[in-house]
Amino acid sequence: KKWRGTNLQGPARQSFGESAFIVFGVFFTMLTVLKIAKAINSADPSFEFNPAWYGSSLCIIFALTPAPVGQPLQIFAAHLWNMLVGLALRQIPLELNSVSYGIPLIWKQALSVAIGVAGQAKLGILHPPATGLSYAFVTPSKLADGSYSYAYSWGTIASVYLVDAAVVALSVLILNLSEAKQYPLFWFGLEWGDICSCFVYS
């Protein structure tokens, strides 16, 4: 009977003014991400990243602003977790013509996504768009000579964190211009009073 669902509804429709504000915020922030990507990717391939990774994150931040999964802690922590998962699973031998003891690529890809999601849930750092990073980091590109190479590595982590900081900073500036929105709702999962008390009583 569970397949019938319940009487709950999805997010409420937003007004034209709120939607226009979302357009402004997402456009300006995504434009900044694209400019950073263009500069980084053309300067040093070892720091390459894909700006499309941020499309879904901006949807959550600007259209579902109160959602816990869109707060700064979730973004930074989930991105790091999934990139590390991809780098770790990359070490498992890949089944190629010259390697008979590896596992198929699709198994590694499925496993990376599974561990990425489960780890976020266990650690309490859920940010759904970040899961694509575990897939991206474990997936190689096939070269003309038939060999494989990975486009994303440790340098990409630095690029992602730079862009994360830019996205969060712009989101704080833009969203708080609206009287109806507040961002973030939390930074580290604690209220500022709790954080101060940690230093006072430590």
Protein backbone atom coordinates (compact mmCIF):
# COMPACT_ATOMS: atom_id res chain seq x y z
CA LYS A 1 0.00 0.00 0.00
CA LYS A 2 2.98 2.31 0.38
CA TRP A 3 3.11 2.88 -3.37
CA ARG A 4 -0.11 4.92 -3.09
CA GLY A 5 1.77 7.69 -1.32
CA THR A 6 0.35 10.03 1.32
CA ASN A 7 -1.49 13.33 1.30
CA LEU A 8 1.71 15.34 1.52
CA GLN A 9 2.48 17.84 -1.23
CA GLY A 10 5.62 19.15 -2.87
CA PRO A 11 7.14 22.61 -2.35
CA ALA A 12 4.66 25.44 -2.74
CA ARG A 13 4.64 27.51 -5.90
CA GLN A 14 6.56 30.74 -5.55
CA SER A 15 5.38 34.15 -6.64
CA PHE A 16 6.51 35.88 -9.81
CA GLY A 17 8.62 38.28 -7.77
CA GLU A 18 10.31 35.43 -5.89
CA SER A 19 10.94 33.58 -9.15
CA ALA A 20 12.46 36.71 -10.70
CA PHE A 21 14.74 37.03 -7.67
CA ILE A 22 15.82 33.41 -8.18
CA VAL A 23 16.64 34.16 -11.82
CA PHE A 24 18.84 37.07 -10.76
CA GLY A 25 20.62 35.14 -8.02
CA VAL A 26 21.25 31.96 -9.98
CA PHE A 27 22.29 33.85 -13.13
CA PHE A 28 24.84 36.02 -11.35
CA THR A 29 26.24 33.15 -9.27
CA MET A 30 26.42 30.70 -12.18
CA LEU A 31 28.07 33.34 -14.34
CA THR A 32 30.74 33.71 -11.67
CA VAL A 33 31.23 29.93 -11.54
CA LEU A 34 31.63 29.82 -15.33
CA LYS A 35 34.18 32.64 -15.30
CA ILE A 36 36.21 30.85 -12.62
CA ALA A 37 36.00 27.60 -14.58
CA LYS A 38 37.18 29.29 -17.76
CA ALA A 39 40.17 30.82 -16.00
CA ILE A 40 41.17 27.66 -14.14
CA ASN A 41 40.61 25.14 -16.92
CA SER A 42 42.61 27.19 -19.43
CA ALA A 43 45.45 27.87 -16.99
CA ASP A 44 46.22 24.38 -15.68
CA PRO A 45 44.48 21.12 -16.72
CA SER A 46 45.45 19.49 -13.42
CA PHE A 47 42.96 21.81 -11.66
CA GLU A 48 40.17 21.23 -14.16
CA PHE A 49 36.56 20.99 -12.96
CA ASN A 50 33.12 20.96 -14.55
CA PRO A 51 30.96 24.03 -13.76
CA ALA A 52 27.83 21.99 -14.53
CA TRP A 53 28.33 20.34 -11.14
CA TYR A 54 26.87 23.47 -9.54
CA GLY A 55 23.56 23.69 -11.42
CA SER A 56 21.61 21.51 -9.01
CA SER A 57 23.29 23.06 -5.98
CA LEU A 58 22.12 26.52 -7.04
CA CYS A 59 18.59 25.17 -7.48
CA ILE A 60 18.58 24.08 -3.84
CA ILE A 61 20.27 27.21 -2.50
CA PHE A 62 18.08 29.75 -4.29
CA ALA A 63 14.76 27.92 -4.73
CA LEU A 64 14.77 25.74 -1.60
CA THR A 65 16.76 28.08 0.62
CA PRO A 66 15.64 26.69 4.03
CA ALA A 67 16.49 23.11 3.05
CA PRO A 68 19.15 21.64 5.37
CA VAL A 69 20.84 19.93 2.40
CA GLY A 70 21.71 23.32 0.89
CA GLN A 71 23.57 24.83 3.84
CA PRO A 72 27.33 25.59 3.65
CA LEU A 73 28.45 22.69 5.84
CA GLN A 74 26.60 20.21 3.64
CA ILE A 75 28.07 21.66 0.44
CA PHE A 76 31.70 21.66 1.57
CA ALA A 77 31.60 18.33 3.41
CA ALA A 78 29.58 16.39 0.82
CA HIS A 79 31.78 17.60 -2.04
CA LEU A 80 34.92 16.51 -0.21
CA TRP A 81 33.48 13.14 0.77
CA ASN A 82 32.38 12.24 -2.74
CA MET A 83 35.64 13.33 -4.36
CA LEU A 84 37.59 11.21 -1.89
CA VAL A 85 35.30 8.24 -2.57
CA GLY A 86 35.99 8.55 -6.29
CA LEU A 87 39.75 8.82 -5.76
CA ALA A 88 39.75 5.81 -3.42
CA LEU A 89 37.72 3.54 -5.70
CA ARG A 90 39.88 4.57 -8.63
CA GLN A 91 42.57 2.35 -7.10
CA ILE A 92 40.53 -0.79 -7.83
CA PRO A 93 41.89 -2.34 -11.04
CA LEU A 94 39.67 -1.72 -14.05
CA GLU A 95 38.78 -4.59 -16.33
CA LEU A 96 40.64 -3.97 -19.59
CA ASN A 97 41.99 -6.15 -22.36
CA SER A 98 45.39 -6.25 -20.64
CA VAL A 99 44.01 -6.73 -17.14
CA SER A 100 41.86 -9.78 -16.50
CA TYR A 101 41.51 -9.43 -12.73
CA GLY A 102 39.83 -6.01 -12.64
CA ILE A 103 36.13 -5.21 -12.34
CA PRO A 104 33.91 -3.65 -15.03
CA LEU A 105 33.76 0.14 -15.10
CA ILE A 106 30.02 0.23 -14.54
CA TRP A 107 30.50 -1.70 -11.28
CA LYS A 108 33.00 0.89 -10.05
CA GLN A 109 30.67 3.71 -11.09
CA ALA A 110 27.67 2.17 -9.34
CA LEU A 111 29.75 1.43 -6.23
CA SER A 112 31.09 4.99 -6.09
CA VAL A 113 27.58 6.45 -6.16
CA ALA A 114 26.33 3.93 -3.57
CA ILE A 115 29.16 4.67 -1.14
CA GLY A 116 28.86 8.38 -1.84
CA VAL A 117 25.18 8.41 -0.86
CA ALA A 118 25.55 6.05 2.10
CA GLY A 119 28.51 7.98 3.49
CA GLN A 120 26.67 11.28 3.30
CA ALA A 121 23.74 9.73 5.14
CA LYS A 122 25.96 8.19 7.83
CA LEU A 123 27.95 11.37 8.38
CA GLY A 124 24.91 13.66 8.25
CA ILE A 125 26.31 15.73 5.38
CA LEU A 126 23.68 15.13 2.71
CA HIS A 127 23.92 17.38 -0.34
CA PRO A 128 22.43 15.33 -3.21
CA PRO A 129 24.11 17.17 -6.14
CA ALA A 130 27.53 16.35 -4.68
CA THR A 131 27.04 12.63 -5.35
CA GLY A 132 27.83 13.16 -9.02
CA LEU A 133 31.42 13.92 -8.03
CA SER A 134 32.06 10.36 -6.87
CA TYR A 135 30.93 9.19 -10.31
CA ALA A 136 32.99 11.82 -12.14
CA PHE A 137 36.18 11.08 -10.21
CA VAL A 138 36.01 7.31 -10.74
CA THR A 139 35.19 7.53 -14.46
CA PRO A 140 38.19 7.61 -16.85
CA SER A 141 38.32 9.07 -20.34
CA LYS A 142 39.40 6.81 -23.18
CA LEU A 143 42.35 8.14 -25.16
CA ALA A 144 43.01 7.73 -28.88
CA ASP A 145 45.56 4.95 -28.28
CA GLY A 146 43.00 2.91 -26.35
CA SER A 147 44.39 3.70 -22.90
CA TYR A 148 42.53 5.51 -20.14
CA SER A 149 43.20 8.74 -18.29
CA TYR A 150 41.43 10.55 -15.45
CA ALA A 151 40.48 14.19 -15.99
CA TYR A 152 39.92 14.97 -12.31
CA SER A 153 42.44 14.56 -9.52
CA TRP A 154 43.72 16.24 -6.36
CA GLY A 155 43.99 19.61 -8.07
CA THR A 156 40.28 19.48 -8.80
CA ILE A 157 39.56 19.32 -5.08
CA ALA A 158 41.25 22.70 -4.65
CA SER A 159 39.24 24.14 -7.53
CA VAL A 160 35.95 22.81 -6.16
CA TYR A 161 36.65 24.28 -2.74
CA LEU A 162 37.51 27.65 -4.29
CA VAL A 163 34.21 27.64 -6.18
CA ASP A 164 32.32 26.41 -3.11
CA ALA A 165 33.60 29.44 -1.20
CA ALA A 166 32.58 31.76 -4.03
CA VAL A 167 29.11 30.20 -4.30
CA VAL A 168 28.46 30.38 -0.56
CA ALA A 169 29.73 33.96 -0.32
CA LEU A 170 27.59 35.15 -3.23
CA SER A 171 24.57 33.25 -1.91
CA VAL A 172 24.90 34.93 1.48
CA LEU A 173 25.15 38.36 -0.13
CA ILE A 174 22.33 37.91 -2.64
CA LEU A 175 19.78 35.89 -0.67
CA ASN A 176 19.92 38.18 2.36
CA LEU A 177 18.90 41.10 0.14
CA SER A 178 15.43 39.54 0.19
CA GLU A 179 13.21 40.15 3.21
CA ALA A 180 11.63 36.72 2.69
CA LYS A 181 14.87 34.71 2.65
CA GLN A 182 17.74 34.03 5.01
CA TYR A 183 20.94 32.21 4.20
CA PRO A 184 22.50 30.31 5.77
CA LEU A 185 20.33 28.80 8.48
CA PHE A 186 23.44 27.29 10.06
CA TRP A 187 27.17 27.11 9.40
CA PHE A 188 28.46 24.18 11.43
CA GLY A 189 25.24 22.66 12.69
CA LEU A 190 25.49 24.72 15.88
CA GLU A 191 24.09 28.09 16.84
CA TRP A 192 26.65 30.85 17.27
CA GLY A 193 25.98 30.84 21.00
CA ASP A 194 26.85 27.15 21.16
CA ILE A 195 30.05 27.73 19.20
CA CYS A 196 31.14 30.55 21.53
CA SER A 197 30.41 28.43 24.58
CA CYS A 198 32.66 25.68 23.19
CA PHE A 199 35.60 28.10 23.28
CA VAL A 200 34.66 29.55 26.66
CA TYR A 201 34.40 26.21 28.45
CA SER A 202 37.18 24.37 26.61
